[in-house]
């Protein structure tokens, strides 16, 4: 939304006001292309090729992470065959070509864990842009929430869940809100919201309803 900012200036002995239109910097996707809109409302294309989606802007507004489709390339995951997809990184200035930082279809191994990930979505930066969190198809009933360390290219599985968000403001800036979907014997399927630290470790249980989440965000100045 455009905001009018009044700036006083002296001209021929009387005061006039110049109005400057300023908009928030943002990213968007249209027809498979990524666009960046600067603070003056000027839109600039970042990618071509009609294969890109899920753009996310870094905290400092300098970088964009997005998902690129890989037509004809699939990975067999716990959710079935999915498009492998890739994660890409671009500078908002457009001085450098976007670069690929992760390819789907790889094995993720760990203690008691051996999964194939693909079908990436919802990538989000950490505050310092050294980490990118994202969702990947991996399980029949849930995504695997993953973390990519940008400098090293290493990936780390955090938890199986339905979704997440990186907290941008307040006391828990840089922490995560994760949504899990456990099966209970008595009440059936319930959604549970958790606060997790930047490494994916559970800090506290937020609640089991949207009002619980809203109250938590209001209490801790989370937007």
N, C-alpha and C. Protein backbone atom coordinates (compact mmCIF):
# COMPACT_ATOMS: atom_id res chain seq x y z
N UNK A 1 0.84 -1.17 0.00
CA UNK A 1 0.00 0.00 0.00
C UNK A 1 0.88 1.23 0.00
N UNK A 2 0.54 2.21 -0.80
CA UNK A 2 1.34 3.41 -0.87
C UNK A 2 1.03 4.31 0.31
N UNK A 3 2.06 4.96 0.80
CA UNK A 3 1.91 5.87 1.94
C UNK A 3 2.39 7.26 1.52
N UNK A 4 1.61 8.27 1.82
CA UNK A 4 2.02 9.62 1.51
C UNK A 4 2.82 10.19 2.67
N UNK A 5 4.04 10.65 2.40
CA UNK A 5 4.89 11.24 3.43
C UNK A 5 5.06 12.71 3.12
N UNK A 6 4.59 13.55 4.00
CA UNK A 6 4.66 14.99 3.77
C UNK A 6 6.03 15.52 4.17
N UNK A 7 6.69 16.26 3.26
CA UNK A 7 8.02 16.82 3.52
C UNK A 7 7.92 18.34 3.34
N UNK A 8 8.07 19.12 4.40
CA UNK A 8 7.96 20.58 4.26
C UNK A 8 9.15 21.14 3.50
N UNK A 9 8.88 22.15 2.67
CA UNK A 9 9.94 22.85 1.95
C UNK A 9 9.57 24.32 1.87
N UNK A 10 10.56 25.21 1.91
CA UNK A 10 10.32 26.64 1.86
C UNK A 10 10.42 27.12 0.42
N UNK A 11 9.40 27.85 -0.07
CA UNK A 11 9.41 28.35 -1.44
C UNK A 11 8.73 29.70 -1.49
N UNK A 12 9.48 30.76 -1.81
CA UNK A 12 8.95 32.12 -1.96
C UNK A 12 8.21 32.58 -0.72
N UNK A 13 8.75 32.23 0.44
CA UNK A 13 8.21 32.74 1.68
C UNK A 13 7.02 31.99 2.23
N UNK A 14 6.60 30.93 1.58
CA UNK A 14 5.51 30.15 2.16
C UNK A 14 5.87 28.67 2.10
N UNK A 15 5.17 27.90 2.92
CA UNK A 15 5.48 26.48 3.06
C UNK A 15 4.65 25.68 2.07
N UNK A 16 5.33 24.77 1.34
CA UNK A 16 4.62 23.83 0.48
C UNK A 16 4.99 22.42 0.93
N UNK A 17 4.19 21.46 0.59
CA UNK A 17 4.42 20.09 1.01
C UNK A 17 4.56 19.21 -0.23
N UNK A 18 5.71 18.52 -0.30
CA UNK A 18 5.92 17.57 -1.38
C UNK A 18 5.57 16.18 -0.87
N UNK A 19 4.76 15.45 -1.58
CA UNK A 19 4.33 14.13 -1.16
C UNK A 19 5.11 13.08 -1.93
N UNK A 20 5.79 12.22 -1.18
CA UNK A 20 6.56 11.14 -1.79
C UNK A 20 5.84 9.82 -1.55
N UNK A 21 5.60 9.09 -2.60
CA UNK A 21 4.96 7.79 -2.46
C UNK A 21 6.01 6.72 -2.21
N UNK A 22 5.87 6.02 -1.11
CA UNK A 22 6.82 4.98 -0.73
C UNK A 22 6.05 3.69 -0.48
N UNK A 23 6.50 2.60 -1.05
CA UNK A 23 5.85 1.31 -0.84
C UNK A 23 6.85 0.33 -0.23
N UNK A 24 6.34 -0.71 0.38
CA UNK A 24 7.20 -1.72 0.98
C UNK A 24 7.84 -2.56 -0.12
N UNK A 25 9.10 -2.92 0.07
CA UNK A 25 9.76 -3.81 -0.87
C UNK A 25 9.13 -5.19 -0.75
N UNK A 26 8.96 -5.85 -1.89
CA UNK A 26 8.27 -7.14 -1.87
C UNK A 26 8.69 -7.99 -3.07
N UNK A 27 8.35 -9.26 -2.99
CA UNK A 27 8.57 -10.18 -4.11
C UNK A 27 7.24 -10.84 -4.46
N UNK A 28 7.11 -11.26 -5.71
CA UNK A 28 5.88 -11.89 -6.15
C UNK A 28 6.19 -12.84 -7.30
N UNK A 29 5.22 -13.68 -7.60
CA UNK A 29 5.34 -14.62 -8.73
C UNK A 29 4.17 -14.42 -9.67
N UNK A 30 4.46 -14.42 -10.95
CA UNK A 30 3.41 -14.30 -11.95
C UNK A 30 3.78 -15.12 -13.18
N UNK A 31 2.92 -16.06 -13.52
CA UNK A 31 3.16 -16.92 -14.69
C UNK A 31 4.52 -17.61 -14.64
N UNK A 32 4.91 -18.04 -13.43
CA UNK A 32 6.16 -18.78 -13.30
C UNK A 32 7.40 -17.92 -13.32
N UNK A 33 7.25 -16.61 -13.17
CA UNK A 33 8.40 -15.70 -13.12
C UNK A 33 8.40 -14.96 -11.78
N UNK A 34 9.59 -14.64 -11.29
CA UNK A 34 9.74 -13.93 -10.02
C UNK A 34 10.00 -12.45 -10.28
N UNK A 35 9.30 -11.60 -9.53
CA UNK A 35 9.44 -10.15 -9.66
C UNK A 35 9.78 -9.54 -8.30
N UNK A 36 10.59 -8.49 -8.34
CA UNK A 36 10.93 -7.72 -7.14
C UNK A 36 10.38 -6.30 -7.31
N UNK A 37 9.69 -5.81 -6.28
CA UNK A 37 9.17 -4.44 -6.29
C UNK A 37 9.94 -3.63 -5.26
N UNK A 38 10.60 -2.54 -5.72
CA UNK A 38 11.43 -1.76 -4.81
C UNK A 38 10.59 -0.76 -4.02
N UNK A 39 11.27 0.05 -3.19
CA UNK A 39 10.56 0.96 -2.28
C UNK A 39 9.85 2.09 -3.01
N UNK A 40 10.17 2.28 -4.29
CA UNK A 40 9.48 3.28 -5.09
C UNK A 40 8.32 2.70 -5.89
N UNK A 41 8.06 1.42 -5.67
CA UNK A 41 6.97 0.77 -6.38
C UNK A 41 7.32 0.30 -7.78
N UNK A 42 8.61 0.32 -8.12
CA UNK A 42 9.05 -0.11 -9.45
C UNK A 42 9.27 -1.62 -9.44
N UNK A 43 8.60 -2.32 -10.35
CA UNK A 43 8.70 -3.77 -10.43
C UNK A 43 9.76 -4.19 -11.44
N UNK A 44 10.57 -5.17 -11.05
CA UNK A 44 11.65 -5.63 -11.92
C UNK A 44 11.62 -7.15 -11.99
N UNK A 45 11.70 -7.74 -13.20
CA UNK A 45 11.75 -9.20 -13.31
C UNK A 45 13.09 -9.75 -12.82
N UNK A 46 13.03 -10.82 -12.08
CA UNK A 46 14.24 -11.47 -11.56
C UNK A 46 14.56 -12.74 -12.34
N UNK A 47 13.53 -13.47 -12.77
CA UNK A 47 13.75 -14.72 -13.50
C UNK A 47 12.91 -14.77 -14.76
N UNK A 48 13.29 -15.66 -15.66
CA UNK A 48 12.53 -15.96 -16.87
C UNK A 48 12.34 -17.48 -16.94
N UNK A 49 11.50 -17.92 -17.84
CA UNK A 49 11.38 -19.36 -18.06
C UNK A 49 10.10 -19.99 -17.57
N UNK A 50 9.30 -19.26 -16.77
CA UNK A 50 7.98 -19.74 -16.36
C UNK A 50 8.00 -21.02 -15.54
N UNK A 51 9.05 -21.21 -14.72
CA UNK A 51 9.16 -22.41 -13.90
C UNK A 51 9.27 -22.11 -12.41
N UNK A 52 9.19 -20.86 -12.02
CA UNK A 52 9.55 -20.46 -10.65
C UNK A 52 8.34 -20.07 -9.81
N UNK A 53 8.47 -20.30 -8.50
CA UNK A 53 7.37 -20.02 -7.57
C UNK A 53 7.92 -19.83 -6.16
N UNK A 54 7.03 -19.56 -5.23
CA UNK A 54 7.34 -19.47 -3.80
C UNK A 54 8.50 -18.53 -3.47
N UNK A 55 8.52 -17.30 -3.99
CA UNK A 55 9.62 -16.39 -3.65
C UNK A 55 9.53 -15.90 -2.21
N UNK A 56 10.69 -15.70 -1.60
CA UNK A 56 10.74 -15.16 -0.24
C UNK A 56 11.92 -14.20 -0.15
N UNK A 57 11.67 -13.04 0.46
CA UNK A 57 12.67 -11.98 0.56
C UNK A 57 13.43 -12.08 1.88
N UNK A 58 14.74 -11.90 1.82
CA UNK A 58 15.55 -11.95 3.04
C UNK A 58 15.22 -10.77 3.95
N UNK A 59 15.59 -10.88 5.20
CA UNK A 59 15.29 -9.85 6.20
C UNK A 59 15.88 -8.50 5.79
N UNK A 60 17.07 -8.51 5.18
CA UNK A 60 17.71 -7.26 4.78
C UNK A 60 17.29 -6.79 3.39
N UNK A 61 16.35 -7.48 2.78
CA UNK A 61 15.77 -7.11 1.47
C UNK A 61 16.79 -7.17 0.33
N UNK A 62 17.82 -7.97 0.46
CA UNK A 62 18.85 -8.02 -0.58
C UNK A 62 18.82 -9.28 -1.42
N UNK A 63 18.20 -10.35 -0.89
CA UNK A 63 18.21 -11.62 -1.59
C UNK A 63 16.81 -12.22 -1.67
N UNK A 64 16.64 -13.07 -2.65
CA UNK A 64 15.38 -13.79 -2.84
C UNK A 64 15.69 -15.28 -2.96
N UNK A 65 14.97 -16.10 -2.25
CA UNK A 65 15.03 -17.54 -2.45
C UNK A 65 13.71 -17.96 -3.10
N UNK A 66 13.78 -18.91 -4.02
CA UNK A 66 12.56 -19.35 -4.69
C UNK A 66 12.71 -20.81 -5.12
N UNK A 67 11.58 -21.41 -5.51
CA UNK A 67 11.54 -22.80 -5.96
C UNK A 67 11.44 -22.83 -7.48
N UNK A 68 12.22 -23.71 -8.09
CA UNK A 68 12.15 -23.91 -9.54
C UNK A 68 11.68 -25.33 -9.84
N UNK A 69 10.69 -25.45 -10.71
CA UNK A 69 10.19 -26.75 -11.14
C UNK A 69 11.19 -27.43 -12.08
N UNK A 70 11.14 -28.76 -12.12
CA UNK A 70 12.02 -29.54 -12.99
C UNK A 70 11.15 -30.49 -13.81
N UNK A 71 10.55 -30.01 -14.88
CA UNK A 71 9.61 -30.82 -15.65
C UNK A 71 10.23 -32.14 -16.11
N UNK A 72 9.50 -33.22 -15.88
CA UNK A 72 9.95 -34.53 -16.31
C UNK A 72 10.91 -35.20 -15.35
N UNK A 73 11.31 -34.51 -14.28
CA UNK A 73 12.22 -35.10 -13.30
C UNK A 73 11.47 -35.31 -11.99
N UNK A 74 11.34 -36.55 -11.58
CA UNK A 74 10.59 -36.87 -10.38
C UNK A 74 11.44 -37.62 -9.37
N UNK A 75 10.98 -37.60 -8.14
CA UNK A 75 11.63 -38.34 -7.06
C UNK A 75 10.57 -39.18 -6.36
N UNK A 76 10.92 -40.39 -6.01
CA UNK A 76 10.00 -41.28 -5.30
C UNK A 76 10.17 -41.08 -3.81
N UNK A 77 9.21 -40.41 -3.19
CA UNK A 77 9.25 -40.11 -1.76
C UNK A 77 8.18 -40.91 -1.03
N UNK A 78 8.13 -40.73 0.28
CA UNK A 78 7.08 -41.38 1.06
C UNK A 78 5.70 -40.89 0.71
N UNK A 79 5.62 -39.75 0.00
CA UNK A 79 4.34 -39.22 -0.46
C UNK A 79 4.01 -39.67 -1.88
N UNK A 80 4.88 -40.51 -2.45
CA UNK A 80 4.71 -40.91 -3.84
C UNK A 80 5.68 -40.16 -4.74
N UNK A 81 5.49 -40.26 -6.04
CA UNK A 81 6.35 -39.57 -6.99
C UNK A 81 5.99 -38.09 -7.02
N UNK A 82 7.00 -37.24 -6.82
CA UNK A 82 6.80 -35.79 -6.85
C UNK A 82 7.85 -35.17 -7.76
N UNK A 83 7.59 -33.96 -8.24
CA UNK A 83 8.58 -33.22 -9.00
C UNK A 83 9.78 -32.95 -8.11
N UNK A 84 10.97 -33.20 -8.60
CA UNK A 84 12.17 -33.02 -7.76
C UNK A 84 12.27 -31.60 -7.22
N UNK A 85 12.11 -30.63 -8.08
CA UNK A 85 12.27 -29.20 -7.81
C UNK A 85 13.67 -28.84 -7.32
N UNK A 86 13.94 -27.54 -7.29
CA UNK A 86 15.24 -27.02 -6.86
C UNK A 86 15.02 -25.74 -6.07
N UNK A 87 15.97 -25.41 -5.21
CA UNK A 87 15.99 -24.11 -4.55
C UNK A 87 17.03 -23.23 -5.24
N UNK A 88 16.64 -21.98 -5.50
CA UNK A 88 17.53 -21.01 -6.16
C UNK A 88 17.61 -19.74 -5.33
N UNK A 89 18.73 -19.05 -5.51
CA UNK A 89 19.01 -17.81 -4.78
C UNK A 89 19.30 -16.71 -5.79
N UNK A 90 18.73 -15.52 -5.57
CA UNK A 90 18.95 -14.39 -6.47
C UNK A 90 19.14 -13.11 -5.68
N UNK A 91 19.93 -12.19 -6.23
CA UNK A 91 20.10 -10.86 -5.64
C UNK A 91 19.03 -9.94 -6.21
N UNK A 92 18.48 -9.06 -5.39
CA UNK A 92 17.41 -8.19 -5.86
C UNK A 92 17.91 -7.19 -6.90
N UNK A 93 19.19 -6.87 -6.85
CA UNK A 93 19.74 -5.90 -7.79
C UNK A 93 19.83 -6.43 -9.20
N UNK A 94 19.83 -7.73 -9.36
CA UNK A 94 19.89 -8.32 -10.68
C UNK A 94 21.25 -8.25 -11.35
N UNK A 95 22.30 -7.88 -10.59
CA UNK A 95 23.63 -7.76 -11.19
C UNK A 95 24.26 -9.12 -11.44
N UNK A 96 23.80 -10.14 -10.71
CA UNK A 96 24.31 -11.50 -10.88
C UNK A 96 23.17 -12.43 -11.26
N UNK A 97 23.51 -13.47 -12.03
CA UNK A 97 22.52 -14.46 -12.38
C UNK A 97 22.11 -15.26 -11.14
N UNK A 98 20.83 -15.63 -11.03
CA UNK A 98 20.41 -16.50 -9.92
C UNK A 98 21.22 -17.80 -9.93
N UNK A 99 21.44 -18.37 -8.76
CA UNK A 99 22.21 -19.61 -8.68
C UNK A 99 21.42 -20.70 -7.96
N UNK A 100 21.59 -21.92 -8.42
CA UNK A 100 20.93 -23.06 -7.80
C UNK A 100 21.69 -23.47 -6.54
N UNK A 101 20.95 -23.69 -5.44
CA UNK A 101 21.61 -24.03 -4.18
C UNK A 101 21.20 -25.41 -3.65
N UNK A 102 20.15 -26.02 -4.20
CA UNK A 102 19.77 -27.36 -3.75
C UNK A 102 18.93 -28.05 -4.82
N UNK A 103 19.23 -29.33 -5.05
CA UNK A 103 18.49 -30.15 -6.00
C UNK A 103 17.69 -31.19 -5.23
N UNK A 104 16.43 -31.37 -5.59
CA UNK A 104 15.59 -32.37 -4.95
C UNK A 104 15.93 -33.78 -5.40
N UNK A 105 15.39 -34.76 -4.69
CA UNK A 105 15.58 -36.16 -5.04
C UNK A 105 16.68 -36.85 -4.28
N UNK A 106 17.35 -36.15 -3.36
CA UNK A 106 18.45 -36.74 -2.62
C UNK A 106 18.01 -37.50 -1.38
N UNK A 107 18.87 -38.40 -0.91
CA UNK A 107 18.63 -39.12 0.34
C UNK A 107 19.05 -38.25 1.52
N UNK A 108 18.26 -38.29 2.55
CA UNK A 108 18.60 -37.66 3.82
C UNK A 108 18.71 -38.76 4.85
N UNK A 109 19.88 -38.89 5.44
CA UNK A 109 20.11 -39.97 6.39
C UNK A 109 20.46 -39.42 7.77
N UNK A 110 20.12 -40.17 8.79
CA UNK A 110 20.42 -39.81 10.16
C UNK A 110 20.01 -40.93 11.07
N UNK A 111 20.14 -40.74 12.39
CA UNK A 111 19.73 -41.79 13.33
C UNK A 111 18.25 -42.13 13.17
N UNK A 112 17.98 -43.34 12.72
CA UNK A 112 16.61 -43.77 12.53
C UNK A 112 15.90 -43.07 11.39
N UNK A 113 16.66 -42.49 10.47
CA UNK A 113 16.06 -41.69 9.40
C UNK A 113 16.74 -42.02 8.08
N UNK A 114 15.92 -42.32 7.09
CA UNK A 114 16.42 -42.56 5.74
C UNK A 114 15.30 -42.22 4.77
N UNK A 115 15.30 -40.99 4.27
CA UNK A 115 14.19 -40.52 3.44
C UNK A 115 14.72 -39.87 2.17
N UNK A 116 13.86 -39.78 1.18
CA UNK A 116 14.14 -39.04 -0.04
C UNK A 116 13.26 -37.79 0.00
N UNK A 117 13.84 -36.63 -0.31
CA UNK A 117 13.06 -35.40 -0.29
C UNK A 117 12.93 -34.83 -1.70
N UNK A 118 11.82 -34.17 -1.94
CA UNK A 118 11.56 -33.51 -3.21
C UNK A 118 10.33 -32.64 -3.06
N UNK A 119 9.92 -32.00 -4.14
CA UNK A 119 8.72 -31.18 -4.07
C UNK A 119 8.83 -30.06 -3.06
N UNK A 120 9.91 -29.27 -3.13
CA UNK A 120 10.16 -28.21 -2.14
C UNK A 120 9.09 -27.12 -2.22
N UNK A 121 8.85 -26.46 -1.08
CA UNK A 121 7.92 -25.33 -1.04
C UNK A 121 8.21 -24.46 0.17
N UNK A 122 7.68 -23.23 0.12
CA UNK A 122 7.70 -22.29 1.25
C UNK A 122 9.09 -22.04 1.82
N UNK A 123 10.12 -21.76 1.00
CA UNK A 123 11.44 -21.47 1.57
C UNK A 123 11.44 -20.13 2.29
N UNK A 124 12.14 -20.06 3.43
CA UNK A 124 12.21 -18.82 4.22
C UNK A 124 13.62 -18.65 4.78
N UNK A 125 14.10 -17.42 4.79
CA UNK A 125 15.43 -17.10 5.30
C UNK A 125 15.45 -17.03 6.82
N UNK A 126 16.61 -17.30 7.40
CA UNK A 126 16.91 -16.91 8.77
C UNK A 126 17.23 -15.42 8.75
N UNK A 127 17.26 -14.75 9.91
CA UNK A 127 17.54 -13.31 9.92
C UNK A 127 18.86 -12.92 9.26
N UNK A 128 19.91 -13.74 9.40
CA UNK A 128 21.20 -13.40 8.81
C UNK A 128 21.40 -14.01 7.42
N UNK A 129 20.38 -14.65 6.89
CA UNK A 129 20.38 -15.23 5.53
C UNK A 129 21.39 -16.36 5.35
N UNK A 130 21.93 -16.90 6.44
CA UNK A 130 22.86 -18.03 6.31
C UNK A 130 22.12 -19.36 6.29
N UNK A 131 20.85 -19.34 6.63
CA UNK A 131 20.05 -20.56 6.61
C UNK A 131 18.77 -20.32 5.82
N UNK A 132 18.31 -21.39 5.17
CA UNK A 132 17.02 -21.36 4.51
C UNK A 132 16.22 -22.56 4.98
N UNK A 133 15.06 -22.30 5.52
CA UNK A 133 14.15 -23.35 5.96
C UNK A 133 13.12 -23.60 4.85
N UNK A 134 12.68 -24.84 4.71
CA UNK A 134 11.72 -25.14 3.65
C UNK A 134 10.99 -26.44 3.95
N UNK A 135 9.88 -26.65 3.24
CA UNK A 135 9.11 -27.88 3.33
C UNK A 135 9.50 -28.79 2.18
N UNK A 136 9.48 -30.10 2.44
CA UNK A 136 9.76 -31.08 1.39
C UNK A 136 8.84 -32.28 1.56
N UNK A 137 8.39 -32.81 0.45
CA UNK A 137 7.65 -34.07 0.50
C UNK A 137 8.61 -35.18 0.94
N UNK A 138 8.18 -35.95 1.91
CA UNK A 138 9.02 -37.04 2.41
C UNK A 138 8.19 -38.17 3.02
N UNK A 139 7.04 -37.83 3.60
CA UNK A 139 6.23 -38.80 4.34
C UNK A 139 4.83 -38.89 3.76
N UNK A 140 4.15 -39.98 4.06
CA UNK A 140 2.79 -40.17 3.56
C UNK A 140 1.80 -39.19 4.17
N UNK A 141 2.03 -38.80 5.42
CA UNK A 141 1.05 -37.96 6.13
C UNK A 141 1.60 -36.60 6.52
N UNK A 142 2.85 -36.28 6.20
CA UNK A 142 3.44 -35.01 6.60
C UNK A 142 4.60 -34.64 5.69
N UNK A 143 4.94 -33.37 5.72
CA UNK A 143 6.17 -32.91 5.08
C UNK A 143 7.33 -33.13 6.04
N UNK A 144 8.54 -33.06 5.53
CA UNK A 144 9.71 -32.91 6.40
C UNK A 144 10.12 -31.46 6.34
N UNK A 145 10.19 -30.82 7.49
CA UNK A 145 10.66 -29.44 7.56
C UNK A 145 12.18 -29.49 7.61
N UNK A 146 12.82 -28.82 6.66
CA UNK A 146 14.25 -28.94 6.45
C UNK A 146 14.95 -27.60 6.67
N UNK A 147 16.26 -27.68 6.90
CA UNK A 147 17.09 -26.48 6.99
C UNK A 147 18.30 -26.66 6.08
N UNK A 148 18.56 -25.67 5.23
CA UNK A 148 19.74 -25.66 4.37
C UNK A 148 20.72 -24.62 4.89
N UNK A 149 21.96 -25.04 5.18
CA UNK A 149 23.01 -24.11 5.56
C UNK A 149 23.62 -23.57 4.26
N UNK A 150 23.40 -22.29 3.98
CA UNK A 150 23.78 -21.72 2.69
C UNK A 150 25.30 -21.76 2.45
N UNK A 151 26.14 -21.36 3.41
CA UNK A 151 27.59 -21.36 3.13
C UNK A 151 28.15 -22.73 2.80
N UNK A 152 27.65 -23.80 3.45
CA UNK A 152 28.21 -25.13 3.23
C UNK A 152 27.40 -25.99 2.26
N UNK A 153 26.13 -25.64 2.08
CA UNK A 153 25.26 -26.46 1.24
C UNK A 153 24.70 -27.68 1.94
N UNK A 154 24.98 -27.84 3.24
CA UNK A 154 24.50 -29.00 3.99
C UNK A 154 23.02 -28.83 4.36
N UNK A 155 22.29 -29.93 4.34
CA UNK A 155 20.89 -29.91 4.74
C UNK A 155 20.69 -30.69 6.03
N UNK A 156 19.66 -30.28 6.78
CA UNK A 156 19.37 -30.94 8.05
C UNK A 156 17.86 -31.09 8.20
N UNK A 157 17.36 -32.33 8.43
CA UNK A 157 15.93 -32.50 8.71
C UNK A 157 15.63 -32.01 10.13
N UNK A 158 14.55 -31.25 10.27
CA UNK A 158 14.20 -30.71 11.59
C UNK A 158 13.06 -31.48 12.25
N UNK A 159 11.94 -31.62 11.55
CA UNK A 159 10.82 -32.37 12.11
C UNK A 159 9.78 -32.63 11.02
N UNK A 160 9.02 -33.73 11.15
CA UNK A 160 7.88 -33.94 10.24
C UNK A 160 6.72 -33.07 10.68
N UNK A 161 6.09 -32.39 9.74
CA UNK A 161 5.00 -31.50 10.12
C UNK A 161 4.20 -31.03 8.93
N UNK A 162 3.25 -30.15 9.21
CA UNK A 162 2.40 -29.60 8.17
C UNK A 162 2.92 -28.28 7.64
N UNK A 163 3.64 -27.54 8.47
CA UNK A 163 4.13 -26.24 8.03
C UNK A 163 4.97 -25.57 9.10
N UNK A 164 5.42 -24.36 8.79
CA UNK A 164 6.27 -23.60 9.71
C UNK A 164 6.30 -22.14 9.26
N UNK A 165 6.80 -21.29 10.12
CA UNK A 165 7.14 -19.92 9.74
C UNK A 165 8.33 -19.47 10.57
N UNK A 166 9.19 -18.65 9.98
CA UNK A 166 10.30 -18.04 10.69
C UNK A 166 9.80 -16.75 11.32
N UNK A 167 10.00 -16.60 12.61
CA UNK A 167 9.53 -15.41 13.33
C UNK A 167 10.42 -14.22 12.98
N UNK A 168 9.80 -13.11 12.59
CA UNK A 168 10.54 -11.95 12.08
C UNK A 168 10.69 -10.83 13.10
N UNK A 169 9.88 -10.81 14.16
CA UNK A 169 9.89 -9.71 15.11
C UNK A 169 9.81 -10.22 16.54
N UNK A 170 10.15 -9.32 17.48
CA UNK A 170 9.94 -9.63 18.88
C UNK A 170 11.04 -10.46 19.53
N UNK A 171 10.73 -10.94 20.71
CA UNK A 171 11.67 -11.68 21.54
C UNK A 171 12.22 -12.91 20.84
N UNK A 172 11.40 -13.58 20.06
CA UNK A 172 11.80 -14.84 19.43
C UNK A 172 12.18 -14.69 17.96
N UNK A 173 12.65 -13.54 17.59
CA UNK A 173 13.07 -13.30 16.21
C UNK A 173 14.09 -14.37 15.77
N UNK A 174 13.83 -15.01 14.64
CA UNK A 174 14.72 -16.06 14.15
C UNK A 174 14.34 -17.46 14.60
N UNK A 175 13.44 -17.57 15.58
CA UNK A 175 12.92 -18.87 15.99
C UNK A 175 11.84 -19.31 14.98
N UNK A 176 11.33 -20.51 15.17
CA UNK A 176 10.33 -21.05 14.27
C UNK A 176 9.03 -21.33 15.00
N UNK A 177 7.93 -21.20 14.28
CA UNK A 177 6.67 -21.77 14.73
C UNK A 177 6.38 -22.95 13.82
N UNK A 178 6.34 -24.14 14.38
CA UNK A 178 6.12 -25.35 13.61
C UNK A 178 4.75 -25.93 13.88
N UNK A 179 4.15 -26.50 12.86
CA UNK A 179 2.83 -27.11 12.99
C UNK A 179 2.94 -28.60 12.74
N UNK A 180 2.60 -29.39 13.74
CA UNK A 180 2.62 -30.84 13.60
C UNK A 180 1.19 -31.36 13.60
N UNK A 181 1.03 -32.59 13.19
CA UNK A 181 -0.30 -33.17 13.05
C UNK A 181 -0.31 -34.60 13.60
N UNK A 182 -0.20 -34.76 14.91
CA UNK A 182 -0.12 -36.11 15.47
C UNK A 182 -1.48 -36.81 15.47
N UNK A 183 -1.45 -38.12 15.55
CA UNK A 183 -2.67 -38.90 15.67
C UNK A 183 -2.89 -39.26 17.13
N UNK A 184 -4.05 -38.97 17.64
CA UNK A 184 -4.36 -39.32 19.02
C UNK A 184 -5.41 -40.43 19.04
N UNK A 185 -5.37 -41.26 20.04
CA UNK A 185 -6.27 -42.41 20.10
C UNK A 185 -7.70 -42.01 20.43
N UNK A 186 -7.85 -40.91 21.15
CA UNK A 186 -9.19 -40.56 21.64
C UNK A 186 -9.85 -39.50 20.75
N UNK A 187 -9.13 -38.44 20.47
CA UNK A 187 -9.75 -37.29 19.80
C UNK A 187 -9.51 -37.26 18.30
N UNK A 188 -8.82 -38.25 17.77
CA UNK A 188 -8.55 -38.23 16.34
C UNK A 188 -7.39 -37.32 16.00
N UNK A 189 -7.47 -36.67 14.86
CA UNK A 189 -6.35 -35.88 14.36
C UNK A 189 -6.44 -34.46 14.88
N UNK A 190 -5.37 -33.96 15.45
CA UNK A 190 -5.34 -32.59 15.95
C UNK A 190 -4.07 -31.89 15.46
N UNK A 191 -4.17 -30.60 15.28
CA UNK A 191 -3.02 -29.79 14.89
C UNK A 191 -2.40 -29.19 16.14
N UNK A 192 -1.08 -29.26 16.25
CA UNK A 192 -0.38 -28.71 17.41
C UNK A 192 0.66 -27.71 16.93
N UNK A 193 0.64 -26.52 17.53
CA UNK A 193 1.62 -25.48 17.22
C UNK A 193 2.73 -25.50 18.26
N UNK A 194 3.98 -25.42 17.77
CA UNK A 194 5.15 -25.44 18.65
C UNK A 194 6.04 -24.25 18.38
N UNK A 195 6.71 -23.76 19.42
CA UNK A 195 7.81 -22.82 19.27
C UNK A 195 9.10 -23.63 19.26
N UNK A 196 9.92 -23.43 18.23
CA UNK A 196 11.19 -24.16 18.10
C UNK A 196 12.34 -23.17 17.97
N UNK A 197 13.51 -23.56 18.45
CA UNK A 197 14.66 -22.69 18.30
C UNK A 197 15.17 -22.78 16.85
N UNK A 198 16.16 -21.96 16.47
CA UNK A 198 16.62 -21.96 15.07
C UNK A 198 17.16 -23.29 14.58
N UNK A 199 17.50 -24.20 15.50
CA UNK A 199 17.97 -25.52 15.10
C UNK A 199 16.86 -26.57 15.07
N UNK A 200 15.62 -26.13 15.28
CA UNK A 200 14.49 -27.04 15.21
C UNK A 200 14.17 -27.75 16.51
N UNK A 201 14.81 -27.38 17.61
CA UNK A 201 14.54 -28.00 18.90
C UNK A 201 13.31 -27.37 19.53
N UNK A 202 12.38 -28.20 20.01
CA UNK A 202 11.15 -27.70 20.61
C UNK A 202 11.46 -26.90 21.88
N UNK A 203 10.90 -25.70 21.98
CA UNK A 203 11.07 -24.85 23.16
C UNK A 203 9.83 -24.92 24.04
N UNK A 204 8.66 -24.79 23.40
CA UNK A 204 7.41 -24.90 24.15
C UNK A 204 6.25 -25.22 23.21
N UNK A 205 5.24 -25.82 23.78
CA UNK A 205 4.01 -26.11 23.05
C UNK A 205 3.12 -24.87 23.11
N UNK A 206 2.73 -24.35 21.95
CA UNK A 206 1.93 -23.13 21.91
C UNK A 206 0.45 -23.44 22.13
N UNK A 207 -0.04 -24.49 21.49
CA UNK A 207 -1.46 -24.83 21.64
C UNK A 207 -1.95 -25.66 20.47
N UNK A 208 -3.27 -25.86 20.47
CA UNK A 208 -3.87 -26.74 19.48
C UNK A 208 -4.93 -26.04 18.65
N UNK A 209 -4.98 -24.71 18.67
CA UNK A 209 -6.00 -24.00 17.91
C UNK A 209 -5.44 -22.69 17.38
N UNK A 210 -6.12 -22.16 16.39
CA UNK A 210 -5.74 -20.86 15.83
C UNK A 210 -5.77 -19.75 16.88
N UNK A 211 -6.80 -19.69 17.75
CA UNK A 211 -6.79 -18.68 18.81
C UNK A 211 -5.57 -18.79 19.73
N UNK A 212 -5.12 -20.02 20.03
CA UNK A 212 -3.90 -20.20 20.84
C UNK A 212 -2.71 -19.54 20.15
N UNK A 213 -2.60 -19.75 18.84
CA UNK A 213 -1.49 -19.18 18.08
C UNK A 213 -1.58 -17.66 18.04
N UNK A 214 -2.78 -17.12 17.84
CA UNK A 214 -2.96 -15.67 17.79
C UNK A 214 -2.59 -15.03 19.12
N UNK A 215 -3.02 -15.64 20.23
CA UNK A 215 -2.68 -15.09 21.55
C UNK A 215 -1.17 -15.11 21.77
N UNK A 216 -0.51 -16.18 21.37
CA UNK A 216 0.94 -16.27 21.53
C UNK A 216 1.64 -15.17 20.73
N UNK A 217 1.20 -14.96 19.51
CA UNK A 217 1.83 -13.94 18.66
C UNK A 217 1.63 -12.54 19.23
N UNK A 218 0.44 -12.27 19.71
CA UNK A 218 0.17 -10.95 20.31
C UNK A 218 1.01 -10.73 21.56
N UNK A 219 1.13 -11.74 22.37
CA UNK A 219 1.89 -11.62 23.62
C UNK A 219 3.35 -11.33 23.37
N UNK A 220 3.90 -11.91 22.30
CA UNK A 220 5.34 -11.78 22.04
C UNK A 220 5.66 -10.87 20.85
N UNK A 221 4.69 -10.05 20.44
CA UNK A 221 4.91 -9.05 19.37
C UNK A 221 5.43 -9.70 18.09
N UNK A 222 4.76 -10.76 17.67
CA UNK A 222 5.13 -11.49 16.46
C UNK A 222 4.20 -11.11 15.33
N UNK A 223 4.76 -10.66 14.21
CA UNK A 223 3.94 -10.26 13.05
C UNK A 223 4.31 -11.11 11.85
